[in-house]
């Protein structure tokens, strides 16, 4: 089993910054892609940013230039630095990871419980 635990959410004024962290633990052989998703009320969950084990990144257009995703492979952690936050960034942010738990080359998708980010205007 694998657990993902997020931290770092909260309430911030527009223009402010927050840093989200996600720690993966449990039976982990390797982690492929790690990412952050968000879901606002009444909206579908959307990919915010992802990063491969080699460091390649993808961002949704709305956060490019403001958010930065990074990871520490040795610690099985992924981070999301969020700058210049806007009220439309308000959502529950979820950590996601594709994890291989043994020498068998099969990856499974895991989610964290979510952390609330609220940006006031």
PDB file of N, CA and C in Angstrom:
ATOM      1  N   UNK A   1       0.826  -1.193   0.000  1.00  0.00           N
ATOM      2  CA  UNK A   1       0.000   0.000   0.000  1.00  0.00           C
ATOM      3  C   UNK A   1       0.868   1.254   0.000  1.00  0.00           C
ATOM      4  N   UNK A   2       0.342   2.293  -0.592  1.00  0.00           N
ATOM      5  CA  UNK A   2       1.046   3.567  -0.680  1.00  0.00           C
ATOM      6  C   UNK A   2       0.127   4.670  -0.182  1.00  0.00           C
ATOM      7  N   UNK A   3       0.680   5.586   0.590  1.00  0.00           N
ATOM      8  CA  UNK A   3      -0.083   6.725   1.076  1.00  0.00           C
ATOM      9  C   UNK A   3       0.568   8.007   0.582  1.00  0.00           C
ATOM     10  N   UNK A   4      -0.270   8.951   0.215  1.00  0.00           N
ATOM     11  CA  UNK A   4       0.186  10.291  -0.165  1.00  0.00           C
ATOM     12  C   UNK A   4      -0.437  11.276   0.820  1.00  0.00           C
ATOM     13  N   UNK A   5       0.400  12.106   1.421  1.00  0.00           N
ATOM     14  CA  UNK A   5      -0.081  13.078   2.399  1.00  0.00           C
ATOM     15  C   UNK A   5       0.354  14.465   1.971  1.00  0.00           C
ATOM     16  N   UNK A   6      -0.649  15.331   1.741  1.00  0.00           N
ATOM     17  CA  UNK A   6      -0.359  16.706   1.341  1.00  0.00           C
ATOM     18  C   UNK A   6      -0.322  17.621   2.560  1.00  0.00           C
ATOM     19  N   UNK A   7       0.382  18.715   2.411  1.00  0.00           N
ATOM     20  CA  UNK A   7       0.399  19.760   3.425  1.00  0.00           C
ATOM     21  C   UNK A   7       0.700  21.091   2.752  1.00  0.00           C
ATOM     22  N   UNK A   8       0.399  22.180   3.467  1.00  0.00           N
ATOM     23  CA  UNK A   8       0.778  23.500   2.972  1.00  0.00           C
ATOM     24  C   UNK A   8      -0.356  24.352   2.455  1.00  0.00           C
ATOM     25  N   UNK A   9      -1.569  23.818   2.421  1.00  0.00           N
ATOM     26  CA  UNK A   9      -2.683  24.631   1.971  1.00  0.00           C
ATOM     27  C   UNK A   9      -3.044  25.682   3.005  1.00  0.00           C
ATOM     28  N   UNK A  10      -3.988  26.550   2.625  1.00  0.00           N
ATOM     29  CA  UNK A  10      -4.427  27.576   3.562  1.00  0.00           C
ATOM     30  C   UNK A  10      -5.112  28.718   2.865  1.00  0.00           C
ATOM     31  N   UNK A  11      -5.262  29.802   3.617  1.00  0.00           N
ATOM     32  CA  UNK A  11      -5.911  31.009   3.122  1.00  0.00           C
ATOM     33  C   UNK A  11      -4.849  32.071   2.860  1.00  0.00           C
ATOM     34  N   UNK A  12      -4.904  32.684   1.693  1.00  0.00           N
ATOM     35  CA  UNK A  12      -3.925  33.703   1.322  1.00  0.00           C
ATOM     36  C   UNK A  12      -4.626  34.776   0.502  1.00  0.00           C
ATOM     37  N   UNK A  13      -4.112  35.979   0.570  1.00  0.00           N
ATOM     38  CA  UNK A  13      -4.659  37.055  -0.237  1.00  0.00           C
ATOM     39  C   UNK A  13      -4.156  36.966  -1.668  1.00  0.00           C
ATOM     40  N   UNK A  14      -4.925  37.528  -2.570  1.00  0.00           N
ATOM     41  CA  UNK A  14      -4.504  37.559  -3.976  1.00  0.00           C
ATOM     42  C   UNK A  14      -3.135  38.215  -4.084  1.00  0.00           C
ATOM     43  N   UNK A  15      -2.295  37.598  -4.923  1.00  0.00           N
ATOM     44  CA  UNK A  15      -0.927  38.065  -5.072  1.00  0.00           C
ATOM     45  C   UNK A  15       0.060  37.384  -4.156  1.00  0.00           C
ATOM     46  N   UNK A  16      -0.447  36.633  -3.207  1.00  0.00           N
ATOM     47  CA  UNK A  16       0.414  35.947  -2.255  1.00  0.00           C
ATOM     48  C   UNK A  16       0.933  34.627  -2.787  1.00  0.00           C
ATOM     49  N   UNK A  17       1.634  33.915  -1.897  1.00  0.00           N
ATOM     50  CA  UNK A  17       2.269  32.649  -2.273  1.00  0.00           C
ATOM     51  C   UNK A  17       1.956  31.564  -1.255  1.00  0.00           C
ATOM     52  N   UNK A  18       1.963  30.342  -1.729  1.00  0.00           N
ATOM     53  CA  UNK A  18       1.866  29.156  -0.885  1.00  0.00           C
ATOM     54  C   UNK A  18       2.750  28.079  -1.494  1.00  0.00           C
ATOM     55  N   UNK A  19       3.209  27.176  -0.645  1.00  0.00           N
ATOM     56  CA  UNK A  19       3.980  26.034  -1.123  1.00  0.00           C
ATOM     57  C   UNK A  19       3.321  24.771  -0.612  1.00  0.00           C
ATOM     58  N   UNK A  20       2.893  23.927  -1.526  1.00  0.00           N
ATOM     59  CA  UNK A  20       2.308  22.642  -1.177  1.00  0.00           C
ATOM     60  C   UNK A  20       3.384  21.563  -1.206  1.00  0.00           C
ATOM     61  N   UNK A  21       3.252  20.630  -0.282  1.00  0.00           N
ATOM     62  CA  UNK A  21       4.162  19.482  -0.233  1.00  0.00           C
ATOM     63  C   UNK A  21       3.338  18.212  -0.211  1.00  0.00           C
ATOM     64  N   UNK A  22       3.908  17.153  -0.769  1.00  0.00           N
ATOM     65  CA  UNK A  22       3.249  15.843  -0.761  1.00  0.00           C
ATOM     66  C   UNK A  22       4.311  14.790  -0.525  1.00  0.00           C
ATOM     67  N   UNK A  23       4.081  13.979   0.499  1.00  0.00           N
ATOM     68  CA  UNK A  23       5.005  12.908   0.838  1.00  0.00           C
ATOM     69  C   UNK A  23       4.377  11.562   0.523  1.00  0.00           C
ATOM     70  N   UNK A  24       5.086  10.746  -0.230  1.00  0.00           N
ATOM     71  CA  UNK A  24       4.636   9.388  -0.536  1.00  0.00           C
ATOM     72  C   UNK A  24       5.350   8.414   0.388  1.00  0.00           C
ATOM     73  N   UNK A  25       4.586   7.476   0.948  1.00  0.00           N
ATOM     74  CA  UNK A  25       5.179   6.477   1.838  1.00  0.00           C
ATOM     75  C   UNK A  25       4.497   5.138   1.635  1.00  0.00           C
ATOM     76  N   UNK A  26       5.144   4.086   2.145  1.00  0.00           N
ATOM     77  CA  UNK A  26       4.598   2.747   2.006  1.00  0.00           C
ATOM     78  C   UNK A  26       5.530   1.878   1.178  1.00  0.00           C
ATOM     79  N   UNK A  27       4.952   0.944   0.459  1.00  0.00           N
ATOM     80  CA  UNK A  27       5.735  -0.001  -0.341  1.00  0.00           C
ATOM     81  C   UNK A  27       6.011   0.629  -1.705  1.00  0.00           C
ATOM     82  N   UNK A  28       7.184   1.220  -1.824  1.00  0.00           N
ATOM     83  CA  UNK A  28       7.540   1.963  -3.032  1.00  0.00           C
ATOM     84  C   UNK A  28       8.833   1.427  -3.618  1.00  0.00           C
ATOM     85  N   UNK A  29       8.755   0.938  -4.849  1.00  0.00           N
ATOM     86  CA  UNK A  29       9.950   0.520  -5.576  1.00  0.00           C
ATOM     87  C   UNK A  29      10.460   1.680  -6.406  1.00  0.00           C
ATOM     88  N   UNK A  30       9.529   2.339  -7.089  1.00  0.00           N
ATOM     89  CA  UNK A  30       9.873   3.549  -7.842  1.00  0.00           C
ATOM     90  C   UNK A  30       8.593   4.333  -8.102  1.00  0.00           C
ATOM     91  N   UNK A  31       8.774   5.622  -8.381  1.00  0.00           N
ATOM     92  CA  UNK A  31       7.649   6.491  -8.718  1.00  0.00           C
ATOM     93  C   UNK A  31       7.898   7.093 -10.084  1.00  0.00           C
ATOM     94  N   UNK A  32       6.940   6.974 -10.962  1.00  0.00           N
ATOM     95  CA  UNK A  32       7.065   7.508 -12.311  1.00  0.00           C
ATOM     96  C   UNK A  32       6.680   8.983 -12.294  1.00  0.00           C
ATOM     97  N   UNK A  33       5.484   9.304 -12.682  1.00  0.00           N
ATOM     98  CA  UNK A  33       5.033  10.694 -12.707  1.00  0.00           C
ATOM     99  C   UNK A  33       4.386  11.064 -11.382  1.00  0.00           C
ATOM    100  N   UNK A  34       4.682  12.258 -10.917  1.00  0.00           N
ATOM    101  CA  UNK A  34       3.985  12.838  -9.768  1.00  0.00           C
ATOM    102  C   UNK A  34       3.339  14.135 -10.224  1.00  0.00           C
ATOM    103  N   UNK A  35       2.197  14.433  -9.648  1.00  0.00           N
ATOM    104  CA  UNK A  35       1.520  15.627 -10.109  1.00  0.00           C
ATOM    105  C   UNK A  35       0.582  16.220  -9.094  1.00  0.00           C
ATOM    106  N   UNK A  36       0.104  17.416  -9.424  1.00  0.00           N
ATOM    107  CA  UNK A  36      -0.889  18.117  -8.623  1.00  0.00           C
ATOM    108  C   UNK A  36      -2.119  18.373  -9.489  1.00  0.00           C
ATOM    109  N   UNK A  37      -3.274  18.051  -8.927  1.00  0.00           N
ATOM    110  CA  UNK A  37      -4.554  18.320  -9.549  1.00  0.00           C
ATOM    111  C   UNK A  37      -5.323  19.248  -8.623  1.00  0.00           C
ATOM    112  N   UNK A  38      -6.351  19.884  -9.149  1.00  0.00           N
ATOM    113  CA  UNK A  38      -7.211  20.698  -8.305  1.00  0.00           C
ATOM    114  C   UNK A  38      -8.659  20.561  -8.741  1.00  0.00           C
ATOM    115  N   UNK A  39      -9.539  20.772  -7.770  1.00  0.00           N
ATOM    116  CA  UNK A  39     -10.957  20.698  -8.040  1.00  0.00           C
ATOM    117  C   UNK A  39     -11.662  21.811  -7.290  1.00  0.00           C
ATOM    118  N   UNK A  40     -12.256  22.712  -8.051  1.00  0.00           N
ATOM    119  CA  UNK A  40     -13.044  23.792  -7.468  1.00  0.00           C
ATOM    120  C   UNK A  40     -14.492  23.327  -7.345  1.00  0.00           C
ATOM    121  N   UNK A  41     -15.288  23.952  -6.484  1.00  0.00           N
ATOM    122  CA  UNK A  41     -16.688  23.544  -6.321  1.00  0.00           C
ATOM    123  C   UNK A  41     -17.447  23.574  -7.644  1.00  0.00           C
ATOM    124  N   UNK A  42     -18.129  22.476  -7.929  1.00  0.00           N
ATOM    125  CA  UNK A  42     -18.921  22.388  -9.148  1.00  0.00           C
ATOM    126  C   UNK A  42     -18.127  22.171 -10.418  1.00  0.00           C
ATOM    127  N   UNK A  43     -16.820  21.996 -10.274  1.00  0.00           N
ATOM    128  CA  UNK A  43     -15.956  21.827 -11.443  1.00  0.00           C
ATOM    129  C   UNK A  43     -15.331  20.436 -11.449  1.00  0.00           C
ATOM    130  N   UNK A  44     -14.867  20.036 -12.614  1.00  0.00           N
ATOM    131  CA  UNK A  44     -14.150  18.760 -12.702  1.00  0.00           C
ATOM    132  C   UNK A  44     -12.716  18.925 -12.196  1.00  0.00           C
ATOM    133  N   UNK A  45     -12.166  17.837 -11.735  1.00  0.00           N
ATOM    134  CA  UNK A  45     -10.770  17.855 -11.314  1.00  0.00           C
ATOM    135  C   UNK A  45      -9.897  18.072 -12.541  1.00  0.00           C
ATOM    136  N   UNK A  46      -8.905  18.950 -12.409  1.00  0.00           N
ATOM    137  CA  UNK A  46      -8.028  19.240 -13.536  1.00  0.00           C
ATOM    138  C   UNK A  46      -6.560  19.118 -13.132  1.00  0.00           C
ATOM    139  N   UNK A  47      -5.744  18.741 -14.103  1.00  0.00           N
ATOM    140  CA  UNK A  47      -4.304  18.681 -13.875  1.00  0.00           C
ATOM    141  C   UNK A  47      -3.758  20.098 -13.790  1.00  0.00           C
ATOM    142  N   UNK A  48      -2.988  20.361 -12.750  1.00  0.00           N
ATOM    143  CA  UNK A  48      -2.316  21.649 -12.598  1.00  0.00           C
ATOM    144  C   UNK A  48      -0.895  21.559 -13.130  1.00  0.00           C
ATOM    145  N   UNK A  49      -0.167  20.556 -12.668  1.00  0.00           N
ATOM    146  CA  UNK A  49       1.221  20.379 -13.093  1.00  0.00           C
ATOM    147  C   UNK A  49       1.647  18.953 -12.804  1.00  0.00           C
ATOM    148  N   UNK A  50       2.576  18.463 -13.613  1.00  0.00           N
ATOM    149  CA  UNK A  50       3.131  17.134 -13.365  1.00  0.00           C
ATOM    150  C   UNK A  50       4.622  17.146 -13.650  1.00  0.00           C
ATOM    151  N   UNK A  51       5.309  16.150 -13.072  1.00  0.00           N
ATOM    152  CA  UNK A  51       6.756  16.065 -13.244  1.00  0.00           C
ATOM    153  C   UNK A  51       7.159  14.597 -13.285  1.00  0.00           C
ATOM    154  N   UNK A  52       8.004  14.250 -14.237  1.00  0.00           N
ATOM    155  CA  UNK A  52       8.478  12.870 -14.343  1.00  0.00           C
ATOM    156  C   UNK A  52       9.661  12.659 -13.406  1.00  0.00           C
ATOM    157  N   UNK A  53      10.077  11.421 -13.276  1.00  0.00           N
ATOM    158  CA  UNK A  53      11.230  11.112 -12.431  1.00  0.00           C
ATOM    159  C   UNK A  53      12.496  11.761 -12.973  1.00  0.00           C
ATOM    160  N   UNK A  54      12.510  12.052 -14.265  1.00  0.00           N
ATOM    161  CA  UNK A  54      13.655  12.702 -14.880  1.00  0.00           C
ATOM    162  C   UNK A  54      13.596  14.213 -14.830  1.00  0.00           C
ATOM    163  N   UNK A  55      12.479  14.764 -14.351  1.00  0.00           N
ATOM    164  CA  UNK A  55      12.374  16.208 -14.179  1.00  0.00           C
ATOM    165  C   UNK A  55      11.611  16.943 -15.269  1.00  0.00           C
ATOM    166  N   UNK A  56      11.053  16.237 -16.229  1.00  0.00           N
ATOM    167  CA  UNK A  56      10.254  16.904 -17.253  1.00  0.00           C
ATOM    168  C   UNK A  56       8.921  17.343 -16.656  1.00  0.00           C
ATOM    169  N   UNK A  57       8.503  18.560 -17.000  1.00  0.00           N
ATOM    170  CA  UNK A  57       7.310  19.120 -16.376  1.00  0.00           C
ATOM    171  C   UNK A  57       6.256  19.514 -17.412  1.00  0.00           C
ATOM    172  N   UNK A  58       5.030  19.523 -16.945  1.00  0.00           N
ATOM    173  CA  UNK A  58       3.887  19.990 -17.720  1.00  0.00           C
ATOM    174  C   UNK A  58       3.057  20.883 -16.810  1.00  0.00           C
ATOM    175  N   UNK A  59       2.543  21.985 -17.351  1.00  0.00           N
ATOM    176  CA  UNK A  59       1.682  22.896 -16.603  1.00  0.00           C
ATOM    177  C   UNK A  59       0.425  23.211 -17.396  1.00  0.00           C
ATOM    178  N   UNK A  60      -0.669  23.389 -16.690  1.00  0.00           N
ATOM    179  CA  UNK A  60      -1.863  23.907 -17.344  1.00  0.00           C
ATOM    180  C   UNK A  60      -1.586  25.375 -17.675  1.00  0.00           C
ATOM    181  N   UNK A  61      -2.143  25.858 -18.769  1.00  0.00           N
ATOM    182  CA  UNK A  61      -1.819  27.216 -19.241  1.00  0.00           C
ATOM    183  C   UNK A  61      -2.077  28.283 -18.182  1.00  0.00           C
ATOM    184  N   UNK A  62      -3.118  28.110 -17.391  1.00  0.00           N
ATOM    185  CA  UNK A  62      -3.526  29.150 -16.444  1.00  0.00           C
ATOM    186  C   UNK A  62      -2.519  29.378 -15.318  1.00  0.00           C
ATOM    187  N   UNK A  63      -1.590  28.460 -15.117  1.00  0.00           N
ATOM    188  CA  UNK A  63      -0.618  28.625 -14.021  1.00  0.00           C
ATOM    189  C   UNK A  63       0.806  28.818 -14.517  1.00  0.00           C
ATOM    190  N   UNK A  64       1.011  28.742 -15.807  1.00  0.00           N
ATOM    191  CA  UNK A  64       2.360  28.900 -16.345  1.00  0.00           C
ATOM    192  C   UNK A  64       2.946  30.253 -15.951  1.00  0.00           C
ATOM    193  N   UNK A  65       4.180  30.226 -15.491  1.00  0.00           N
ATOM    194  CA  UNK A  65       4.846  31.450 -15.068  1.00  0.00           C
ATOM    195  C   UNK A  65       4.560  31.829 -13.623  1.00  0.00           C
ATOM    196  N   UNK A  66       3.589  31.168 -12.994  1.00  0.00           N
ATOM    197  CA  UNK A  66       3.253  31.480 -11.597  1.00  0.00           C
ATOM    198  C   UNK A  66       3.543  30.300 -10.666  1.00  0.00           C
ATOM    199  N   UNK A  67       3.316  29.076 -11.142  1.00  0.00           N
ATOM    200  CA  UNK A  67       3.510  27.885 -10.320  1.00  0.00           C
ATOM    201  C   UNK A  67       4.747  27.124 -10.791  1.00  0.00           C
ATOM    202  N   UNK A  68       5.413  26.489  -9.852  1.00  0.00           N
ATOM    203  CA  UNK A  68       6.563  25.653 -10.171  1.00  0.00           C
ATOM    204  C   UNK A  68       6.450  24.333  -9.425  1.00  0.00           C
ATOM    205  N   UNK A  69       6.518  23.240 -10.176  1.00  0.00           N
ATOM    206  CA  UNK A  69       6.496  21.908  -9.573  1.00  0.00           C
ATOM    207  C   UNK A  69       7.921  21.392  -9.490  1.00  0.00           C
ATOM    208  N   UNK A  70       8.226  20.696  -8.400  1.00  0.00           N
ATOM    209  CA  UNK A  70       9.539  20.088  -8.228  1.00  0.00           C
ATOM    210  C   UNK A  70       9.369  18.815  -7.410  1.00  0.00           C
ATOM    211  N   UNK A  71      10.406  17.984  -7.393  1.00  0.00           N
ATOM    212  CA  UNK A  71      10.323  16.754  -6.610  1.00  0.00           C
ATOM    213  C   UNK A  71      11.690  16.383  -6.087  1.00  0.00           C
ATOM    214  N   UNK A  72      11.657  15.624  -5.018  1.00  0.00           N
ATOM    215  CA  UNK A  72      12.862  15.068  -4.409  1.00  0.00           C
ATOM    216  C   UNK A  72      12.711  13.561  -4.503  1.00  0.00           C
ATOM    217  N   UNK A  73      13.388  12.947  -5.468  1.00  0.00           N
ATOM    218  CA  UNK A  73      13.228  11.510  -5.693  1.00  0.00           C
ATOM    219  C   UNK A  73      13.721  10.686  -4.499  1.00  0.00           C
ATOM    220  N   UNK A  74      14.740  11.151  -3.831  1.00  0.00           N
ATOM    221  CA  UNK A  74      15.286  10.402  -2.696  1.00  0.00           C
ATOM    222  C   UNK A  74      14.306  10.354  -1.527  1.00  0.00           C
ATOM    223  N   UNK A  75      13.499  11.406  -1.401  1.00  0.00           N
ATOM    224  CA  UNK A  75      12.546  11.479  -0.295  1.00  0.00           C
ATOM    225  C   UNK A  75      11.125  11.129  -0.727  1.00  0.00           C
ATOM    226  N   UNK A  76      10.922  10.825  -1.993  1.00  0.00           N
ATOM    227  CA  UNK A  76       9.583  10.524  -2.521  1.00  0.00           C
ATOM    228  C   UNK A  76       8.610  11.669  -2.239  1.00  0.00           C
ATOM    229  N   UNK A  77       9.070  12.863  -2.524  1.00  0.00           N
ATOM    230  CA  UNK A  77       8.233  14.036  -2.275  1.00  0.00           C
ATOM    231  C   UNK A  77       8.082  14.873  -3.545  1.00  0.00           C
ATOM    232  N   UNK A  78       6.956  15.562  -3.623  1.00  0.00           N
ATOM    233  CA  UNK A  78       6.700  16.490  -4.704  1.00  0.00           C
ATOM    234  C   UNK A  78       6.185  17.794  -4.096  1.00  0.00           C
ATOM    235  N   UNK A  79       6.544  18.903  -4.728  1.00  0.00           N
ATOM    236  CA  UNK A  79       6.199  20.218  -4.215  1.00  0.00           C
ATOM    237  C   UNK A  79       5.522  21.037  -5.304  1.00  0.00           C
ATOM    238  N   UNK A  80       4.725  22.002  -4.866  1.00  0.00           N
ATOM    239  CA  UNK A  80       4.144  22.953  -5.793  1.00  0.00           C
ATOM    240  C   UNK A  80       4.286  24.344  -5.185  1.00  0.00           C
ATOM    241  N   UNK A  81       5.173  25.146  -5.759  1.00  0.00           N
ATOM    242  CA  UNK A  81       5.328  26.520  -5.336  1.00  0.00           C
ATOM    243  C   UNK A  81       4.361  27.368  -6.140  1.00  0.00           C
ATOM    244  N   UNK A  82       3.469  28.041  -5.426  1.00  0.00           N
ATOM    245  CA  UNK A  82       2.424  28.826  -6.079  1.00  0.00           C
ATOM    246  C   UNK A  82       2.624  30.303  -5.742  1.00  0.00           C
ATOM    247  N   UNK A  83       2.941  31.089  -6.750  1.00  0.00           N
ATOM    248  CA  UNK A  83       3.142  32.521  -6.584  1.00  0.00           C
ATOM    249  C   UNK A  83       2.066  33.301  -7.334  1.00  0.00           C
ATOM    250  N   UNK A  84       1.937  34.574  -7.002  1.00  0.00           N
ATOM    251  CA  UNK A  84       0.960  35.444  -7.673  1.00  0.00           C
ATOM    252  C   UNK A  84      -0.409  34.797  -7.715  1.00  0.00           C
ATOM    253  N   UNK A  85      -0.834  34.281  -6.595  1.00  0.00           N
ATOM    254  CA  UNK A  85      -2.098  33.555  -6.534  1.00  0.00           C
ATOM    255  C   UNK A  85      -3.281  34.457  -6.847  1.00  0.00           C
ATOM    256  N   UNK A  86      -4.269  33.863  -7.499  1.00  0.00           N
ATOM    257  CA  UNK A  86      -5.480  34.565  -7.903  1.00  0.00           C
ATOM    258  C   UNK A  86      -6.693  33.881  -7.260  1.00  0.00           C
ATOM    259  N   UNK A  87      -7.792  34.615  -7.082  1.00  0.00           N
ATOM    260  CA  UNK A  87      -9.001  33.977  -6.515  1.00  0.00           C
ATOM    261  C   UNK A  87      -9.440  32.742  -7.300  1.00  0.00           C
ATOM    262  N   UNK A  88      -9.219  32.733  -8.605  1.00  0.00           N
ATOM    263  CA  UNK A  88      -9.606  31.572  -9.406  1.00  0.00           C
ATOM    264  C   UNK A  88      -8.729  30.345  -9.162  1.00  0.00           C
ATOM    265  N   UNK A  89      -7.667  30.491  -8.394  1.00  0.00           N
ATOM    266  CA  UNK A  89      -6.848  29.338  -7.999  1.00  0.00           C
ATOM    267  C   UNK A  89      -7.456  28.610  -6.801  1.00  0.00           C
ATOM    268  N   UNK A  90      -8.500  29.171  -6.226  1.00  0.00           N
ATOM    269  CA  UNK A  90      -9.153  28.553  -5.072  1.00  0.00           C
ATOM    270  C   UNK A  90      -9.707  27.184  -5.453  1.00  0.00           C
ATOM    271  N   UNK A  91      -9.311  26.160  -4.700  1.00  0.00           N
ATOM    272  CA  UNK A  91      -9.720  24.791  -4.989  1.00  0.00           C
ATOM    273  C   UNK A  91      -9.136  23.867  -3.930  1.00  0.00           C
ATOM    274  N   UNK A  92      -9.574  22.616  -3.967  1.00  0.00           N
ATOM    275  CA  UNK A  92      -8.887  21.577  -3.218  1.00  0.00           C
ATOM    276  C   UNK A  92      -7.804  21.014  -4.137  1.00  0.00           C
ATOM    277  N   UNK A  93      -6.588  20.968  -3.648  1.00  0.00           N
ATOM    278  CA  UNK A  93      -5.452  20.492  -4.429  1.00  0.00           C
ATOM    279  C   UNK A  93      -5.098  19.074  -3.995  1.00  0.00           C
ATOM    280  N   UNK A  94      -4.969  18.199  -4.987  1.00  0.00           N
ATOM    281  CA  UNK A  94      -4.691  16.791  -4.730  1.00  0.00           C
ATOM    282  C   UNK A  94      -3.342  16.394  -5.318  1.00  0.00           C
ATOM    283  N   UNK A  95      -2.602  15.628  -4.559  1.00  0.00           N
ATOM    284  CA  UNK A  95      -1.358  15.045  -5.022  1.00  0.00           C
ATOM    285  C   UNK A  95      -1.658  13.702  -5.687  1.00  0.00           C
ATOM    286  N   UNK A  96      -0.929  13.408  -6.742  1.00  0.00           N
ATOM    287  CA  UNK A  96      -1.109  12.159  -7.477  1.00  0.00           C
ATOM    288  C   UNK A  96       0.257  11.567  -7.787  1.00  0.00           C
ATOM    289  N   UNK A  97       0.344  10.230  -7.741  1.00  0.00           N
ATOM    290  CA  UNK A  97       1.607   9.582  -8.076  1.00  0.00           C
ATOM    291  C   UNK A  97       1.353   8.220  -8.709  1.00  0.00           C
ATOM    292  N   UNK A  98       2.170   7.893  -9.723  1.00  0.00           N
ATOM    293  CA  UNK A  98       2.141   6.559 -10.337  1.00  0.00           C
ATOM    294  C   UNK A  98       3.292   5.771  -9.738  1.00  0.00           C
ATOM    295  N   UNK A  99       2.938   4.735  -8.984  1.00  0.00           N
ATOM    296  CA  UNK A  99       3.913   4.053  -8.138  1.00  0.00           C
ATOM    297  C   UNK A  99       4.049   2.593  -8.537  1.00  0.00           C
ATOM    298  N   UNK A 100       5.281   2.160  -8.574  1.00  0.00           N
ATOM    299  CA  UNK A 100       5.601   0.737  -8.755  1.00  0.00           C
ATOM    300  C   UNK A 100       6.041   0.212  -7.403  1.00  0.00           C
ATOM    301  N   UNK A 101       5.427  -0.878  -6.937  1.00  0.00           N
ATOM    302  CA  UNK A 101       5.675  -1.342  -5.566  1.00  0.00           C
ATOM    303  C   UNK A 101       6.573  -2.560  -5.467  1.00  0.00           C
ATOM    304  N   UNK A 102       7.001  -3.117  -6.629  1.00  0.00           N
ATOM    305  CA  UNK A 102       7.891  -4.286  -6.566  1.00  0.00           C
ATOM    306  C   UNK A 102       8.694  -4.343  -7.859  1.00  0.00           C
ATOM    307  N   UNK A 103       9.453  -5.444  -8.048  1.00  0.00           N
ATOM    308  CA  UNK A 103      10.229  -5.602  -9.270  1.00  0.00           C
ATOM    309  C   UNK A 103       9.329  -5.839 -10.477  1.00  0.00           C
ATOM    310  N   UNK A 104       8.065  -6.154 -10.233  1.00  0.00           N
ATOM    311  CA  UNK A 104       7.107  -6.330 -11.329  1.00  0.00           C
ATOM    312  C   UNK A 104       6.816  -4.954 -11.913  1.00  0.00           C
ATOM    313  N   UNK A 105       7.006  -4.763 -13.221  1.00  0.00           N
ATOM    314  CA  UNK A 105       6.865  -3.432 -13.821  1.00  0.00           C
ATOM    315  C   UNK A 105       5.415  -3.014 -14.046  1.00  0.00           C
ATOM    316  N   UNK A 106       4.675  -2.917 -12.964  1.00  0.00           N
ATOM    317  CA  UNK A 106       3.287  -2.464 -13.020  1.00  0.00           C
ATOM    318  C   UNK A 106       3.141  -1.254 -12.115  1.00  0.00           C
ATOM    319  N   UNK A 107       2.561  -0.180 -12.656  1.00  0.00           N
ATOM    320  CA  UNK A 107       2.363   1.049 -11.897  1.00  0.00           C
ATOM    321  C   UNK A 107       0.898   1.206 -11.526  1.00  0.00           C
ATOM    322  N   UNK A 108       0.674   1.717 -10.337  1.00  0.00           N
ATOM    323  CA  UNK A 108      -0.671   2.016  -9.868  1.00  0.00           C
ATOM    324  C   UNK A 108      -0.758   3.495  -9.529  1.00  0.00           C
ATOM    325  N   UNK A 109      -1.957   4.025  -9.684  1.00  0.00           N
ATOM    326  CA  UNK A 109      -2.220   5.438  -9.456  1.00  0.00           C
ATOM    327  C   UNK A 109      -2.724   5.659  -8.037  1.00  0.00           C
ATOM    328  N   UNK A 110      -2.121   6.594  -7.332  1.00  0.00           N
ATOM    329  CA  UNK A 110      -2.542   6.899  -5.958  1.00  0.00           C
ATOM    330  C   UNK A 110      -2.852   8.387  -5.829  1.00  0.00           C
ATOM    331  N   UNK A 111      -3.770   8.692  -4.890  1.00  0.00           N
ATOM    332  CA  UNK A 111      -4.177  10.070  -4.636  1.00  0.00           C
ATOM    333  C   UNK A 111      -4.021  10.392  -3.154  1.00  0.00           C
ATOM    334  N   UNK A 112      -3.708  11.654  -2.893  1.00  0.00           N
ATOM    335  CA  UNK A 112      -3.748  12.145  -1.530  1.00  0.00           C
ATOM    336  C   UNK A 112      -5.167  12.543  -1.163  1.00  0.00           C
ATOM    337  N   UNK A 113      -5.334  12.983   0.081  1.00  0.00           N
ATOM    338  CA  UNK A 113      -6.666  13.312   0.577  1.00  0.00           C
ATOM    339  C   UNK A 113      -7.098  14.720   0.190  1.00  0.00           C
ATOM    340  N   UNK A 114      -6.158  15.524  -0.278  1.00  0.00           N
ATOM    341  CA  UNK A 114      -6.481  16.880  -0.697  1.00  0.00           C
ATOM    342  C   UNK A 114      -6.185  17.910   0.364  1.00  0.00           C
ATOM    343  N   UNK A 115      -5.818  19.094  -0.080  1.00  0.00           N
ATOM    344  CA  UNK A 115      -5.588  20.214   0.830  1.00  0.00           C
ATOM    345  C   UNK A 115      -6.243  21.460   0.220  1.00  0.00           C
ATOM    346  N   UNK A 116      -6.947  22.200   1.064  1.00  0.00           N
ATOM    347  CA  UNK A 116      -7.709  23.351   0.583  1.00  0.00           C
ATOM    348  C   UNK A 116      -6.791  24.558   0.394  1.00  0.00           C
ATOM    349  N   UNK A 117      -6.922  25.197  -0.754  1.00  0.00           N
ATOM    350  CA  UNK A 117      -6.256  26.472  -1.014  1.00  0.00           C
ATOM    351  C   UNK A 117      -7.338  27.496  -1.311  1.00  0.00           C
ATOM    352  N   UNK A 118      -7.362  28.560  -0.528  1.00  0.00           N
ATOM    353  CA  UNK A 118      -8.351  29.614  -0.704  1.00  0.00           C
ATOM    354  C   UNK A 118      -7.624  30.939  -0.902  1.00  0.00           C
ATOM    355  N   UNK A 119      -7.938  31.611  -2.004  1.00  0.00           N
ATOM    356  CA  UNK A 119      -7.312  32.892  -2.319  1.00  0.00           C
ATOM    357  C   UNK A 119      -8.386  33.968  -2.269  1.00  0.00           C
ATOM    358  N   UNK A 120      -8.217  34.913  -1.359  1.00  0.00           N
ATOM    359  CA  UNK A 120      -9.204  35.979  -1.203  1.00  0.00           C
ATOM    360  C   UNK A 120      -8.817  37.179  -2.066  1.00  0.00           C
ATOM    361  N   UNK A 121      -9.829  37.875  -2.520  1.00  0.00           N
ATOM    362  CA  UNK A 121      -9.580  39.039  -3.398  1.00  0.00           C
ATOM    363  C   UNK A 121      -9.429  40.320  -2.592  1.00  0.00           C
TER     364      UNK A 121
END
